[in-house]
Amino acid sequence: MQTYILFTKLSTDLSYEMKNRERQGRNWLGQVRENCPEVKFLSHYAILGEFDFIDIYEAPDPETAAKVSMISQANGAIHAKSMIAIPYKRFLELSKEM
């Protein structure tokens, strides 16, 4: 399994619906679990800044990671981007090969 980081920016309409945020989040997570049962979430963070949320998860392949992003967009995200994450120790090993 590869580790991915999902950056999500909600639509303005959803951003104003804070009281419904928990329900919306459960709905999104349920859809991911239904459509991508192999995905394992490691951490969820609400953040301030360019994005509203960061989710760290494991997926078996880039296609599954793309599905997670697409489910986010289908649920009101105006921007959802999954990026591959390389463990720092492995990054250092790769840098020695340069």
Protein backbone atom coordinates (compact mmCIF):
# COMPACT_ATOMS: atom_id res chain seq x y z
CA MET A 1 0.00 0.00 0.00
CA GLN A 2 1.17 3.48 -0.85
CA THR A 3 0.56 6.53 1.35
CA TYR A 4 -1.32 9.51 -0.11
CA ILE A 5 -2.27 12.94 1.19
CA LEU A 6 -5.63 14.35 0.11
CA PHE A 7 -5.94 18.15 0.10
CA THR A 8 -9.58 19.28 0.02
CA LYS A 9 -11.10 22.72 -0.47
CA LEU A 10 -14.87 22.87 0.03
CA SER A 11 -17.23 24.92 -2.09
CA THR A 12 -18.28 28.24 -0.58
CA ASP A 13 -21.80 26.89 -0.04
CA LEU A 14 -20.55 23.95 2.03
CA SER A 15 -18.12 26.15 3.95
CA TYR A 16 -21.07 28.16 5.28
CA GLU A 17 -22.88 25.01 6.48
CA MET A 18 -20.71 24.35 9.55
CA LYS A 19 -23.59 22.84 11.51
CA ASN A 20 -23.89 20.11 8.85
CA ARG A 21 -20.15 19.47 8.59
CA GLU A 22 -20.18 16.31 10.73
CA ARG A 23 -23.00 14.76 8.69
CA GLN A 24 -21.31 15.74 5.42
CA GLY A 25 -18.02 14.23 6.60
CA ARG A 26 -19.67 10.96 7.62
CA ASN A 27 -21.45 10.80 4.26
CA TRP A 28 -18.17 11.34 2.38
CA LEU A 29 -16.34 8.74 4.46
CA GLY A 30 -19.16 6.23 3.94
CA GLN A 31 -18.95 6.70 0.18
CA VAL A 32 -15.18 6.21 0.21
CA ARG A 33 -15.53 3.04 2.29
CA GLU A 34 -18.25 1.72 -0.03
CA ASN A 35 -16.42 2.49 -3.29
CA CYS A 36 -12.84 1.96 -2.10
CA PRO A 37 -12.96 -0.62 0.72
CA GLU A 38 -9.21 -1.19 0.47
CA VAL A 39 -8.43 2.42 1.49
CA LYS A 40 -7.14 2.80 5.05
CA PHE A 41 -7.32 6.28 6.60
CA LEU A 42 -4.45 7.17 8.91
CA SER A 43 -5.28 10.77 9.91
CA HIS A 44 -7.83 13.51 9.28
CA TYR A 45 -7.11 17.19 9.88
CA ALA A 46 -9.14 20.36 9.51
CA ILE A 47 -6.77 23.19 8.60
CA LEU A 48 -6.83 26.94 8.07
CA GLY A 49 -5.44 28.29 4.84
CA GLU A 50 -5.57 27.35 1.18
CA PHE A 51 -7.31 24.02 1.91
CA ASP A 52 -9.98 23.07 4.44
CA PHE A 53 -8.93 19.47 5.14
CA ILE A 54 -5.98 17.13 4.83
CA ASP A 55 -6.52 13.37 4.97
CA ILE A 56 -3.64 10.93 5.07
CA TYR A 57 -4.51 7.49 3.77
CA GLU A 58 -3.15 4.33 2.20
CA ALA A 59 -4.35 3.02 -1.16
CA PRO A 60 -3.13 0.15 -3.32
CA ASP A 61 -2.72 2.19 -6.53
CA PRO A 62 -3.06 5.65 -8.11
CA GLU A 63 -6.46 4.79 -9.60
CA THR A 64 -7.92 4.17 -6.15
CA ALA A 65 -6.39 7.44 -4.91
CA ALA A 66 -8.03 9.20 -7.85
CA LYS A 67 -11.39 7.71 -6.85
CA VAL A 68 -11.00 9.16 -3.34
CA SER A 69 -10.42 12.60 -4.88
CA MET A 70 -13.38 12.18 -7.24
CA ILE A 71 -15.67 11.20 -4.35
CA SER A 72 -14.60 14.40 -2.61
CA GLN A 73 -15.46 16.47 -5.66
CA ALA A 74 -18.80 14.69 -6.02
CA ASN A 75 -19.54 15.75 -2.43
CA GLY A 76 -18.96 19.46 -2.92
CA ALA A 77 -15.20 19.94 -2.93
CA ILE A 78 -14.16 22.54 -5.47
CA HIS A 79 -10.64 21.20 -5.27
CA ALA A 80 -9.46 17.73 -4.24
CA LYS A 81 -5.92 16.60 -4.87
CA SER A 82 -4.28 13.35 -3.77
CA MET A 83 -0.51 13.38 -3.71
CA ILE A 84 1.81 10.45 -3.11
CA ALA A 85 3.82 10.61 0.10
CA ILE A 86 7.27 9.06 0.45
CA PRO A 87 8.47 8.24 3.97
CA TYR A 88 11.36 10.54 4.88
CA LYS A 89 13.75 7.63 5.51
CA ARG A 90 13.06 6.30 1.99
CA PHE A 91 13.49 9.82 0.58
CA LEU A 92 16.95 9.98 2.14
CA GLU A 93 17.82 6.58 0.64
CA LEU A 94 16.73 7.80 -2.79
CA SER A 95 18.77 10.99 -2.42
CA LYS A 96 21.92 8.92 -1.90
CA GLU A 97 21.36 7.37 -5.33
CA MET A 98 21.69 10.77 -7.00
